[in-house]
Amino acid sequence: MDNTLPTLLEKDFAQLHAGDIYGMLGNYHPDAQVMWLNDTVVRGGREIRSFLEGYVALKPKIVAVVAARERNDCILYHSAINLDGTVRGLVGTWVLRDGLIWRQTSVIVAAPR
């Protein structure tokens, strides 16, 4: 993994691979909002925990980080993810507040080449 990636991104991906929902939940600001392009929008700890439980149940595995950029309080990343046995692309953004994920957007795209 590119060692210029923010520690929080590396930590979150490791927690995802371990299925550590409560560890991942600790990365989110109390007023966080998560938005996926499939019309999923969740807010706050309870809704985000439920979302993460469903997501982790799919056993997603980050295969590679294609690109990641950080500027100030924003992170933009593109990764290859194995989801239900199929490798796809995952593009997302995080906006941080107080060092925690405050706003997150994600979309599944075609697998990177």
PDB file of N, CA and C in Angstrom:
ATOM      1  N   MET A   1       0.847  -1.183   0.000  1.00  0.00           N
ATOM      2  CA  MET A   1       0.000   0.000   0.000  1.00  0.00           C
ATOM      3  C   MET A   1       0.886   1.238   0.000  1.00  0.00           C
ATOM      4  N   ASP A   2       0.491   2.212  -0.721  1.00  0.00           N
ATOM      5  CA  ASP A   2       1.228   3.467  -0.803  1.00  0.00           C
ATOM      6  C   ASP A   2       1.350   4.086   0.585  1.00  0.00           C
ATOM      7  N   ASN A   3       2.582   4.313   1.059  1.00  0.00           N
ATOM      8  CA  ASN A   3       2.757   4.827   2.413  1.00  0.00           C
ATOM      9  C   ASN A   3       2.428   6.302   2.555  1.00  0.00           C
ATOM     10  N   THR A   4       1.917   6.951   1.516  1.00  0.00           N
ATOM     11  CA  THR A   4       1.420   8.313   1.665  1.00  0.00           C
ATOM     12  C   THR A   4      -0.067   8.311   2.059  1.00  0.00           C
ATOM     13  N   LEU A   5      -0.674   7.141   2.087  1.00  0.00           N
ATOM     14  CA  LEU A   5      -2.080   7.055   2.490  1.00  0.00           C
ATOM     15  C   LEU A   5      -2.233   7.458   3.947  1.00  0.00           C
ATOM     16  N   PRO A   6      -3.299   8.143   4.258  1.00  0.00           N
ATOM     17  CA  PRO A   6      -3.544   8.521   5.650  1.00  0.00           C
ATOM     18  C   PRO A   6      -3.723   7.286   6.533  1.00  0.00           C
ATOM     19  N   THR A   7      -3.247   7.401   7.736  1.00  0.00           N
ATOM     20  CA  THR A   7      -3.333   6.300   8.693  1.00  0.00           C
ATOM     21  C   THR A   7      -4.773   5.838   8.904  1.00  0.00           C
ATOM     22  N   LEU A   8      -5.712   6.757   8.928  1.00  0.00           N
ATOM     23  CA  LEU A   8      -7.111   6.390   9.152  1.00  0.00           C
ATOM     24  C   LEU A   8      -7.627   5.466   8.050  1.00  0.00           C
ATOM     25  N   LEU A   9      -7.265   5.718   6.810  1.00  0.00           N
ATOM     26  CA  LEU A   9      -7.699   4.874   5.704  1.00  0.00           C
ATOM     27  C   LEU A   9      -7.118   3.470   5.861  1.00  0.00           C
ATOM     28  N   GLU A  10      -5.844   3.371   6.171  1.00  0.00           N
ATOM     29  CA  GLU A  10      -5.210   2.071   6.383  1.00  0.00           C
ATOM     30  C   GLU A  10      -5.871   1.332   7.547  1.00  0.00           C
ATOM     31  N   LYS A  11      -6.118   2.055   8.626  1.00  0.00           N
ATOM     32  CA  LYS A  11      -6.746   1.468   9.809  1.00  0.00           C
ATOM     33  C   LYS A  11      -8.143   0.946   9.472  1.00  0.00           C
ATOM     34  N   ASP A  12      -8.931   1.747   8.761  1.00  0.00           N
ATOM     35  CA  ASP A  12     -10.292   1.352   8.417  1.00  0.00           C
ATOM     36  C   ASP A  12     -10.290   0.111   7.526  1.00  0.00           C
ATOM     37  N   PHE A  13      -9.405   0.057   6.534  1.00  0.00           N
ATOM     38  CA  PHE A  13      -9.338  -1.111   5.665  1.00  0.00           C
ATOM     39  C   PHE A  13      -8.933  -2.357   6.454  1.00  0.00           C
ATOM     40  N   ALA A  14      -7.998  -2.238   7.381  1.00  0.00           N
ATOM     41  CA  ALA A  14      -7.589  -3.382   8.209  1.00  0.00           C
ATOM     42  C   ALA A  14      -8.760  -3.856   9.072  1.00  0.00           C
ATOM     43  N   GLN A  15      -9.511  -2.914   9.632  1.00  0.00           N
ATOM     44  CA  GLN A  15     -10.670  -3.278  10.441  1.00  0.00           C
ATOM     45  C   GLN A  15     -11.739  -3.950   9.581  1.00  0.00           C
ATOM     46  N   LEU A  16     -11.919  -3.469   8.356  1.00  0.00           N
ATOM     47  CA  LEU A  16     -12.870  -4.082   7.432  1.00  0.00           C
ATOM     48  C   LEU A  16     -12.491  -5.535   7.180  1.00  0.00           C
ATOM     49  N   HIS A  17     -11.224  -5.786   6.897  1.00  0.00           N
ATOM     50  CA  HIS A  17     -10.763  -7.151   6.634  1.00  0.00           C
ATOM     51  C   HIS A  17     -10.935  -8.049   7.851  1.00  0.00           C
ATOM     52  N   ALA A  18     -10.810  -7.477   9.045  1.00  0.00           N
ATOM     53  CA  ALA A  18     -10.970  -8.249  10.278  1.00  0.00           C
ATOM     54  C   ALA A  18     -12.436  -8.404  10.671  1.00  0.00           C
ATOM     55  N   GLY A  19     -13.333  -7.693   9.988  1.00  0.00           N
ATOM     56  CA  GLY A  19     -14.745  -7.733  10.361  1.00  0.00           C
ATOM     57  C   GLY A  19     -15.030  -6.998  11.652  1.00  0.00           C
ATOM     58  N   ASP A  20     -14.165  -6.045  12.000  1.00  0.00           N
ATOM     59  CA  ASP A  20     -14.261  -5.309  13.266  1.00  0.00           C
ATOM     60  C   ASP A  20     -15.211  -4.116  13.127  1.00  0.00           C
ATOM     61  N   ILE A  21     -16.495  -4.386  13.229  1.00  0.00           N
ATOM     62  CA  ILE A  21     -17.518  -3.357  13.052  1.00  0.00           C
ATOM     63  C   ILE A  21     -17.367  -2.249  14.085  1.00  0.00           C
ATOM     64  N   TYR A  22     -17.135  -2.611  15.336  1.00  0.00           N
ATOM     65  CA  TYR A  22     -17.042  -1.583  16.375  1.00  0.00           C
ATOM     66  C   TYR A  22     -15.774  -0.752  16.237  1.00  0.00           C
ATOM     67  N   GLY A  23     -14.697  -1.361  15.756  1.00  0.00           N
ATOM     68  CA  GLY A  23     -13.493  -0.589  15.464  1.00  0.00           C
ATOM     69  C   GLY A  23     -13.752   0.403  14.347  1.00  0.00           C
ATOM     70  N   MET A  24     -14.424  -0.053  13.290  1.00  0.00           N
ATOM     71  CA  MET A  24     -14.758   0.830  12.172  1.00  0.00           C
ATOM     72  C   MET A  24     -15.687   1.948  12.638  1.00  0.00           C
ATOM     73  N   LEU A  25     -16.652   1.608  13.448  1.00  0.00           N
ATOM     74  CA  LEU A  25     -17.604   2.605  13.941  1.00  0.00           C
ATOM     75  C   LEU A  25     -16.879   3.700  14.723  1.00  0.00           C
ATOM     76  N   GLY A  26     -15.796   3.354  15.410  1.00  0.00           N
ATOM     77  CA  GLY A  26     -15.001   4.330  16.143  1.00  0.00           C
ATOM     78  C   GLY A  26     -14.282   5.331  15.254  1.00  0.00           C
ATOM     79  N   ASN A  27     -14.231   5.063  13.949  1.00  0.00           N
ATOM     80  CA  ASN A  27     -13.600   5.979  13.006  1.00  0.00           C
ATOM     81  C   ASN A  27     -14.544   7.099  12.568  1.00  0.00           C
ATOM     82  N   TYR A  28     -15.816   6.983  12.937  1.00  0.00           N
ATOM     83  CA  TYR A  28     -16.836   7.936  12.483  1.00  0.00           C
ATOM     84  C   TYR A  28     -17.147   8.980  13.554  1.00  0.00           C
ATOM     85  N   HIS A  29     -17.323  10.190  13.108  1.00  0.00           N
ATOM     86  CA  HIS A  29     -17.746  11.304  13.950  1.00  0.00           C
ATOM     87  C   HIS A  29     -19.182  11.037  14.430  1.00  0.00           C
ATOM     88  N   PRO A  30     -19.553  11.486  15.632  1.00  0.00           N
ATOM     89  CA  PRO A  30     -20.924  11.259  16.106  1.00  0.00           C
ATOM     90  C   PRO A  30     -22.004  11.813  15.170  1.00  0.00           C
ATOM     91  N   ASP A  31     -21.700  12.841  14.393  1.00  0.00           N
ATOM     92  CA  ASP A  31     -22.662  13.431  13.461  1.00  0.00           C
ATOM     93  C   ASP A  31     -22.421  12.981  12.024  1.00  0.00           C
ATOM     94  N   ALA A  32     -21.823  11.815  11.849  1.00  0.00           N
ATOM     95  CA  ALA A  32     -21.442  11.344  10.517  1.00  0.00           C
ATOM     96  C   ALA A  32     -22.651  11.015   9.649  1.00  0.00           C
ATOM     97  N   GLN A  33     -22.405  11.092   8.347  1.00  0.00           N
ATOM     98  CA  GLN A  33     -23.381  10.684   7.333  1.00  0.00           C
ATOM     99  C   GLN A  33     -22.641   9.883   6.278  1.00  0.00           C
ATOM    100  N   VAL A  34     -23.215   8.746   5.888  1.00  0.00           N
ATOM    101  CA  VAL A  34     -22.652   7.883   4.851  1.00  0.00           C
ATOM    102  C   VAL A  34     -23.656   7.824   3.714  1.00  0.00           C
ATOM    103  N   MET A  35     -23.158   8.045   2.498  1.00  0.00           N
ATOM    104  CA  MET A  35     -24.030   8.047   1.325  1.00  0.00           C
ATOM    105  C   MET A  35     -23.405   7.183   0.235  1.00  0.00           C
ATOM    106  N   TRP A  36     -24.143   6.155  -0.212  1.00  0.00           N
ATOM    107  CA  TRP A  36     -23.722   5.318  -1.331  1.00  0.00           C
ATOM    108  C   TRP A  36     -24.602   5.647  -2.517  1.00  0.00           C
ATOM    109  N   LEU A  37     -24.064   5.511  -3.720  1.00  0.00           N
ATOM    110  CA  LEU A  37     -24.808   5.883  -4.916  1.00  0.00           C
ATOM    111  C   LEU A  37     -26.036   5.000  -5.150  1.00  0.00           C
ATOM    112  N   ASN A  38     -26.133   3.879  -4.451  1.00  0.00           N
ATOM    113  CA  ASN A  38     -27.321   3.026  -4.599  1.00  0.00           C
ATOM    114  C   ASN A  38     -28.505   3.546  -3.780  1.00  0.00           C
ATOM    115  N   ASP A  39     -28.475   4.812  -3.403  1.00  0.00           N
ATOM    116  CA  ASP A  39     -29.534   5.480  -2.632  1.00  0.00           C
ATOM    117  C   ASP A  39     -29.486   5.201  -1.134  1.00  0.00           C
ATOM    118  N   THR A  40     -28.434   4.583  -0.647  1.00  0.00           N
ATOM    119  CA  THR A  40     -28.272   4.387   0.785  1.00  0.00           C
ATOM    120  C   THR A  40     -27.761   5.675   1.406  1.00  0.00           C
ATOM    121  N   VAL A  41     -28.457   6.162   2.405  1.00  0.00           N
ATOM    122  CA  VAL A  41     -27.995   7.298   3.202  1.00  0.00           C
ATOM    123  C   VAL A  41     -28.279   6.954   4.650  1.00  0.00           C
ATOM    124  N   VAL A  42     -27.221   6.934   5.462  1.00  0.00           N
ATOM    125  CA  VAL A  42     -27.377   6.655   6.892  1.00  0.00           C
ATOM    126  C   VAL A  42     -26.699   7.759   7.684  1.00  0.00           C
ATOM    127  N   ARG A  43     -27.261   8.038   8.847  1.00  0.00           N
ATOM    128  CA  ARG A  43     -26.742   9.120   9.694  1.00  0.00           C
ATOM    129  C   ARG A  43     -26.641   8.641  11.128  1.00  0.00           C
ATOM    130  N   GLY A  44     -25.574   9.060  11.792  1.00  0.00           N
ATOM    131  CA  GLY A  44     -25.410   8.772  13.214  1.00  0.00           C
ATOM    132  C   GLY A  44     -24.994   7.338  13.490  1.00  0.00           C
ATOM    133  N   GLY A  45     -24.542   7.123  14.718  1.00  0.00           N
ATOM    134  CA  GLY A  45     -23.961   5.846  15.115  1.00  0.00           C
ATOM    135  C   GLY A  45     -24.842   4.633  14.921  1.00  0.00           C
ATOM    136  N   ARG A  46     -26.081   4.706  15.294  1.00  0.00           N
ATOM    137  CA  ARG A  46     -26.974   3.538  15.204  1.00  0.00           C
ATOM    138  C   ARG A  46     -27.188   3.116  13.747  1.00  0.00           C
ATOM    139  N   GLU A  47     -27.493   4.076  12.883  1.00  0.00           N
ATOM    140  CA  GLU A  47     -27.718   3.745  11.474  1.00  0.00           C
ATOM    141  C   GLU A  47     -26.432   3.297  10.789  1.00  0.00           C
ATOM    142  N   ILE A  48     -25.326   3.945  11.128  1.00  0.00           N
ATOM    143  CA  ILE A  48     -24.041   3.563  10.522  1.00  0.00           C
ATOM    144  C   ILE A  48     -23.639   2.165  10.980  1.00  0.00           C
ATOM    145  N   ARG A  49     -23.848   1.850  12.264  1.00  0.00           N
ATOM    146  CA  ARG A  49     -23.535   0.496  12.751  1.00  0.00           C
ATOM    147  C   ARG A  49     -24.341  -0.549  11.976  1.00  0.00           C
ATOM    148  N   SER A  50     -25.623  -0.317  11.783  1.00  0.00           N
ATOM    149  CA  SER A  50     -26.467  -1.254  11.043  1.00  0.00           C
ATOM    150  C   SER A  50     -25.978  -1.398   9.602  1.00  0.00           C
ATOM    151  N   PHE A  51     -25.624  -0.279   8.973  1.00  0.00           N
ATOM    152  CA  PHE A  51     -25.077  -0.309   7.616  1.00  0.00           C
ATOM    153  C   PHE A  51     -23.791  -1.130   7.570  1.00  0.00           C
ATOM    154  N   LEU A  52     -22.875  -0.883   8.527  1.00  0.00           N
ATOM    155  CA  LEU A  52     -21.602  -1.601   8.549  1.00  0.00           C
ATOM    156  C   LEU A  52     -21.814  -3.097   8.775  1.00  0.00           C
ATOM    157  N   GLU A  53     -22.772  -3.455   9.595  1.00  0.00           N
ATOM    158  CA  GLU A  53     -23.057  -4.880   9.822  1.00  0.00           C
ATOM    159  C   GLU A  53     -23.447  -5.564   8.514  1.00  0.00           C
ATOM    160  N   GLY A  54     -24.316  -4.909   7.729  1.00  0.00           N
ATOM    161  CA  GLY A  54     -24.707  -5.470   6.437  1.00  0.00           C
ATOM    162  C   GLY A  54     -23.556  -5.525   5.453  1.00  0.00           C
ATOM    163  N   TYR A  55     -22.736  -4.488   5.463  1.00  0.00           N
ATOM    164  CA  TYR A  55     -21.596  -4.420   4.548  1.00  0.00           C
ATOM    165  C   TYR A  55     -20.557  -5.487   4.886  1.00  0.00           C
ATOM    166  N   VAL A  56     -20.206  -5.610   6.150  1.00  0.00           N
ATOM    167  CA  VAL A  56     -19.210  -6.599   6.577  1.00  0.00           C
ATOM    168  C   VAL A  56     -19.711  -8.019   6.334  1.00  0.00           C
ATOM    169  N   ALA A  57     -21.024  -8.228   6.410  1.00  0.00           N
ATOM    170  CA  ALA A  57     -21.595  -9.550   6.143  1.00  0.00           C
ATOM    171  C   ALA A  57     -21.320 -10.009   4.708  1.00  0.00           C
ATOM    172  N   LEU A  58     -21.081  -9.065   3.792  1.00  0.00           N
ATOM    173  CA  LEU A  58     -20.743  -9.399   2.411  1.00  0.00           C
ATOM    174  C   LEU A  58     -19.292  -9.862   2.269  1.00  0.00           C
ATOM    175  N   LYS A  59     -18.520  -9.762   3.368  1.00  0.00           N
ATOM    176  CA  LYS A  59     -17.105 -10.151   3.409  1.00  0.00           C
ATOM    177  C   LYS A  59     -16.268  -9.443   2.344  1.00  0.00           C
ATOM    178  N   PRO A  60     -16.375  -8.112   2.268  1.00  0.00           N
ATOM    179  CA  PRO A  60     -15.581  -7.375   1.276  1.00  0.00           C
ATOM    180  C   PRO A  60     -14.097  -7.412   1.635  1.00  0.00           C
ATOM    181  N   LYS A  61     -13.271  -7.533   0.635  1.00  0.00           N
ATOM    182  CA  LYS A  61     -11.817  -7.512   0.824  1.00  0.00           C
ATOM    183  C   LYS A  61     -11.209  -6.516  -0.157  1.00  0.00           C
ATOM    184  N   ILE A  62     -10.466  -5.558   0.362  1.00  0.00           N
ATOM    185  CA  ILE A  62      -9.752  -4.617  -0.492  1.00  0.00           C
ATOM    186  C   ILE A  62      -8.590  -5.375  -1.125  1.00  0.00           C
ATOM    187  N   VAL A  63      -8.595  -5.477  -2.444  1.00  0.00           N
ATOM    188  CA  VAL A  63      -7.558  -6.191  -3.177  1.00  0.00           C
ATOM    189  C   VAL A  63      -6.355  -5.281  -3.409  1.00  0.00           C
ATOM    190  N   ALA A  64      -6.627  -4.018  -3.740  1.00  0.00           N
ATOM    191  CA  ALA A  64      -5.557  -3.054  -3.993  1.00  0.00           C
ATOM    192  C   ALA A  64      -6.105  -1.644  -3.885  1.00  0.00           C
ATOM    193  N   VAL A  65      -5.246  -0.735  -3.481  1.00  0.00           N
ATOM    194  CA  VAL A  65      -5.579   0.681  -3.544  1.00  0.00           C
ATOM    195  C   VAL A  65      -5.001   1.194  -4.852  1.00  0.00           C
ATOM    196  N   VAL A  66      -5.879   1.609  -5.747  1.00  0.00           N
ATOM    197  CA  VAL A  66      -5.469   2.084  -7.066  1.00  0.00           C
ATOM    198  C   VAL A  66      -4.895   3.488  -6.951  1.00  0.00           C
ATOM    199  N   ALA A  67      -5.581   4.331  -6.192  1.00  0.00           N
ATOM    200  CA  ALA A  67      -5.128   5.705  -5.992  1.00  0.00           C
ATOM    201  C   ALA A  67      -5.781   6.248  -4.728  1.00  0.00           C
ATOM    202  N   ALA A  68      -5.096   7.158  -4.098  1.00  0.00           N
ATOM    203  CA  ALA A  68      -5.655   7.851  -2.935  1.00  0.00           C
ATOM    204  C   ALA A  68      -4.979   9.212  -2.840  1.00  0.00           C
ATOM    205  N   ARG A  69      -5.777  10.207  -2.548  1.00  0.00           N
ATOM    206  CA  ARG A  69      -5.265  11.567  -2.401  1.00  0.00           C
ATOM    207  C   ARG A  69      -5.875  12.184  -1.167  1.00  0.00           C
ATOM    208  N   GLU A  70      -5.061  12.966  -0.471  1.00  0.00           N
ATOM    209  CA  GLU A  70      -5.512  13.652   0.727  1.00  0.00           C
ATOM    210  C   GLU A  70      -5.191  15.133   0.589  1.00  0.00           C
ATOM    211  N   ARG A  71      -6.145  15.962   0.897  1.00  0.00           N
ATOM    212  CA  ARG A  71      -5.938  17.408   0.947  1.00  0.00           C
ATOM    213  C   ARG A  71      -6.734  17.927   2.125  1.00  0.00           C
ATOM    214  N   ASN A  72      -6.027  18.555   3.036  1.00  0.00           N
ATOM    215  CA  ASN A  72      -6.651  19.144   4.216  1.00  0.00           C
ATOM    216  C   ASN A  72      -7.492  18.110   4.948  1.00  0.00           C
ATOM    217  N   ASP A  73      -8.794  18.257   4.933  1.00  0.00           N
ATOM    218  CA  ASP A  73      -9.654  17.339   5.678  1.00  0.00           C
ATOM    219  C   ASP A  73     -10.425  16.389   4.759  1.00  0.00           C
ATOM    220  N   CYS A  74      -9.959  16.207   3.519  1.00  0.00           N
ATOM    221  CA  CYS A  74     -10.652  15.351   2.557  1.00  0.00           C
ATOM    222  C   CYS A  74      -9.734  14.239   2.049  1.00  0.00           C
ATOM    223  N   ILE A  75     -10.320  13.075   1.853  1.00  0.00           N
ATOM    224  CA  ILE A  75      -9.617  11.933   1.283  1.00  0.00           C
ATOM    225  C   ILE A  75     -10.463  11.432   0.117  1.00  0.00           C
ATOM    226  N   LEU A  76      -9.824  11.193  -1.024  1.00  0.00           N
ATOM    227  CA  LEU A  76     -10.462  10.592  -2.184  1.00  0.00           C
ATOM    228  C   LEU A  76      -9.684   9.320  -2.489  1.00  0.00           C
ATOM    229  N   TYR A  77     -10.406   8.199  -2.636  1.00  0.00           N
ATOM    230  CA  TYR A  77      -9.698   6.950  -2.900  1.00  0.00           C
ATOM    231  C   TYR A  77     -10.418   6.133  -3.969  1.00  0.00           C
ATOM    232  N   HIS A  78      -9.638   5.303  -4.644  1.00  0.00           N
ATOM    233  CA  HIS A  78     -10.143   4.347  -5.634  1.00  0.00           C
ATOM    234  C   HIS A  78      -9.449   3.034  -5.312  1.00  0.00           C
ATOM    235  N   SER A  79     -10.232   2.009  -5.044  1.00  0.00           N
ATOM    236  CA  SER A  79      -9.647   0.713  -4.715  1.00  0.00           C
ATOM    237  C   SER A  79     -10.318  -0.385  -5.520  1.00  0.00           C
ATOM    238  N   ALA A  80      -9.656  -1.522  -5.563  1.00  0.00           N
ATOM    239  CA  ALA A  80     -10.245  -2.734  -6.124  1.00  0.00           C
ATOM    240  C   ALA A  80     -10.722  -3.548  -4.927  1.00  0.00           C
ATOM    241  N   ILE A  81     -11.972  -3.990  -4.989  1.00  0.00           N
ATOM    242  CA  ILE A  81     -12.561  -4.692  -3.863  1.00  0.00           C
ATOM    243  C   ILE A  81     -13.198  -5.995  -4.348  1.00  0.00           C
ATOM    244  N   ASN A  82     -12.956  -7.065  -3.604  1.00  0.00           N
ATOM    245  CA  ASN A  82     -13.604  -8.335  -3.890  1.00  0.00           C
ATOM    246  C   ASN A  82     -14.882  -8.366  -3.068  1.00  0.00           C
ATOM    247  N   LEU A  83     -16.001  -8.402  -3.764  1.00  0.00           N
ATOM    248  CA  LEU A  83     -17.310  -8.360  -3.121  1.00  0.00           C
ATOM    249  C   LEU A  83     -18.129  -9.518  -3.668  1.00  0.00           C
ATOM    250  N   ASP A  84     -18.441 -10.472  -2.821  1.00  0.00           N
ATOM    251  CA  ASP A  84     -19.187 -11.666  -3.251  1.00  0.00           C
ATOM    252  C   ASP A  84     -18.466 -12.423  -4.360  1.00  0.00           C
ATOM    253  N   GLY A  85     -17.131 -12.479  -4.288  1.00  0.00           N
ATOM    254  CA  GLY A  85     -16.355 -13.233  -5.263  1.00  0.00           C
ATOM    255  C   GLY A  85     -16.076 -12.523  -6.574  1.00  0.00           C
ATOM    256  N   THR A  86     -16.522 -11.285  -6.702  1.00  0.00           N
ATOM    257  CA  THR A  86     -16.297 -10.508  -7.912  1.00  0.00           C
ATOM    258  C   THR A  86     -15.480  -9.273  -7.570  1.00  0.00           C
ATOM    259  N   VAL A  87     -14.407  -9.031  -8.324  1.00  0.00           N
ATOM    260  CA  VAL A  87     -13.599  -7.837  -8.091  1.00  0.00           C
ATOM    261  C   VAL A  87     -14.240  -6.669  -8.829  1.00  0.00           C
ATOM    262  N   ARG A  88     -14.450  -5.603  -8.087  1.00  0.00           N
ATOM    263  CA  ARG A  88     -15.047  -4.380  -8.634  1.00  0.00           C
ATOM    264  C   ARG A  88     -14.215  -3.206  -8.157  1.00  0.00           C
ATOM    265  N   GLY A  89     -14.522  -2.049  -8.675  1.00  0.00           N
ATOM    266  CA  GLY A  89     -13.881  -0.830  -8.197  1.00  0.00           C
ATOM    267  C   GLY A  89     -14.746  -0.194  -7.114  1.00  0.00           C
ATOM    268  N   LEU A  90     -14.109   0.463  -6.195  1.00  0.00           N
ATOM    269  CA  LEU A  90     -14.805   1.222  -5.161  1.00  0.00           C
ATOM    270  C   LEU A  90     -14.163   2.603  -5.124  1.00  0.00           C
ATOM    271  N   VAL A  91     -14.961   3.625  -5.394  1.00  0.00           N
ATOM    272  CA  VAL A  91     -14.487   4.998  -5.370  1.00  0.00           C
ATOM    273  C   VAL A  91     -15.225   5.693  -4.238  1.00  0.00           C
ATOM    274  N   GLY A  92     -14.466   6.385  -3.393  1.00  0.00           N
ATOM    275  CA  GLY A  92     -15.116   7.037  -2.269  1.00  0.00           C
ATOM    276  C   GLY A  92     -14.396   8.286  -1.814  1.00  0.00           C
ATOM    277  N   THR A  93     -15.110   9.052  -1.033  1.00  0.00           N
ATOM    278  CA  THR A  93     -14.533  10.246  -0.407  1.00  0.00           C
ATOM    279  C   THR A  93     -14.884  10.230   1.072  1.00  0.00           C
ATOM    280  N   TRP A  94     -14.001  10.787   1.834  1.00  0.00           N
ATOM    281  CA  TRP A  94     -14.242  11.054   3.249  1.00  0.00           C
ATOM    282  C   TRP A  94     -13.943  12.527   3.488  1.00  0.00           C
ATOM    283  N   VAL A  95     -14.789  13.165   4.225  1.00  0.00           N
ATOM    284  CA  VAL A  95     -14.502  14.486   4.763  1.00  0.00           C
ATOM    285  C   VAL A  95     -14.374  14.283   6.265  1.00  0.00           C
ATOM    286  N   LEU A  96     -13.242  14.718   6.799  1.00  0.00           N
ATOM    287  CA  LEU A  96     -12.977  14.505   8.227  1.00  0.00           C
ATOM    288  C   LEU A  96     -13.359  15.725   9.045  1.00  0.00           C
ATOM    289  N   ARG A  97     -13.780  15.453  10.264  1.00  0.00           N
ATOM    290  CA  ARG A  97     -14.006  16.493  11.261  1.00  0.00           C
ATOM    291  C   ARG A  97     -13.448  15.936  12.567  1.00  0.00           C
ATOM    292  N   ASP A  98     -12.611  16.717  13.200  1.00  0.00           N
ATOM    293  CA  ASP A  98     -11.968  16.277  14.445  1.00  0.00           C
ATOM    294  C   ASP A  98     -11.221  14.952  14.261  1.00  0.00           C
ATOM    295  N   GLY A  99     -10.670  14.745  13.066  1.00  0.00           N
ATOM    296  CA  GLY A  99      -9.889  13.540  12.791  1.00  0.00           C
ATOM    297  C   GLY A  99     -10.723  12.289  12.559  1.00  0.00           C
ATOM    298  N   LEU A 100     -12.038  12.434  12.455  1.00  0.00           N
ATOM    299  CA  LEU A 100     -12.940  11.295  12.251  1.00  0.00           C
ATOM    300  C   LEU A 100     -13.747  11.508  10.971  1.00  0.00           C
ATOM    301  N   ILE A 101     -14.277  10.422  10.434  1.00  0.00           N
ATOM    302  CA  ILE A 101     -15.078  10.504   9.215  1.00  0.00           C
ATOM    303  C   ILE A 101     -16.392  11.204   9.551  1.00  0.00           C
ATOM    304  N   TRP A 102     -16.610  12.339   8.915  1.00  0.00           N
ATOM    305  CA  TRP A 102     -17.831  13.116   9.138  1.00  0.00           C
ATOM    306  C   TRP A 102     -18.806  12.933   7.980  1.00  0.00           C
ATOM    307  N   ARG A 103     -18.292  12.903   6.756  1.00  0.00           N
ATOM    308  CA  ARG A 103     -19.087  12.657   5.559  1.00  0.00           C
ATOM    309  C   ARG A 103     -18.354  11.629   4.704  1.00  0.00           C
ATOM    310  N   GLN A 104     -19.101  10.637   4.234  1.00  0.00           N
ATOM    311  CA  GLN A 104     -18.519   9.606   3.376  1.00  0.00           C
ATOM    312  C   GLN A 104     -19.439   9.393   2.190  1.00  0.00           C
ATOM    313  N   THR A 105     -18.852   9.297   1.008  1.00  0.00           N
ATOM    314  CA  THR A 105     -19.588   8.897  -0.186  1.00  0.00           C
ATOM    315  C   THR A 105     -18.845   7.729  -0.821  1.00  0.00           C
ATOM    316  N   SER A 106     -19.590   6.807  -1.420  1.00  0.00           N
ATOM    317  CA  SER A 106     -18.975   5.649  -2.084  1.00  0.00           C
ATOM    318  C   SER A 106     -19.829   5.214  -3.255  1.00  0.00           C
ATOM    319  N   VAL A 107     -19.162   4.647  -4.240  1.00  0.00           N
ATOM    320  CA  VAL A 107     -19.855   4.082  -5.389  1.00  0.00           C
ATOM    321  C   VAL A 107     -19.039   2.893  -5.898  1.00  0.00           C
ATOM    322  N   ILE A 108     -19.745   1.825  -6.238  1.00  0.00           N
ATOM    323  CA  ILE A 108     -19.130   0.654  -6.868  1.00  0.00           C
ATOM    324  C   ILE A 108     -19.073   0.933  -8.368  1.00  0.00           C
ATOM    325  N   VAL A 109     -17.895   0.719  -8.966  1.00  0.00           N
ATOM    326  CA  VAL A 109     -17.689   0.967 -10.390  1.00  0.00           C
ATOM    327  C   VAL A 109     -17.054  -0.280 -11.014  1.00  0.00           C
ATOM    328  N   ALA A 110     -16.831  -0.237 -12.308  1.00  0.00           N
ATOM    329  CA  ALA A 110     -16.157  -1.353 -12.989  1.00  0.00           C
ATOM    330  C   ALA A 110     -14.785  -1.576 -12.357  1.00  0.00           C
ATOM    331  N   ALA A 111     -14.354  -2.816 -12.373  1.00  0.00           N
ATOM    332  CA  ALA A 111     -13.049  -3.161 -11.797  1.00  0.00           C
ATOM    333  C   ALA A 111     -11.935  -2.396 -12.506  1.00  0.00           C
ATOM    334  N   PRO A 112     -10.966  -1.903 -11.752  1.00  0.00           N
ATOM    335  CA  PRO A 112      -9.838  -1.234 -12.381  1.00  0.00           C
ATOM    336  C   PRO A 112      -9.010  -2.243 -13.188  1.00  0.00           C
ATOM    337  N   ARG A 113      -8.408  -1.746 -14.236  1.00  0.00           N
ATOM    338  CA  ARG A 113      -7.595  -2.646 -15.102  1.00  0.00           C
ATOM    339  C   ARG A 113      -6.166  -2.638 -14.702  1.00  0.00           C
TER     340      ARG A 113
END
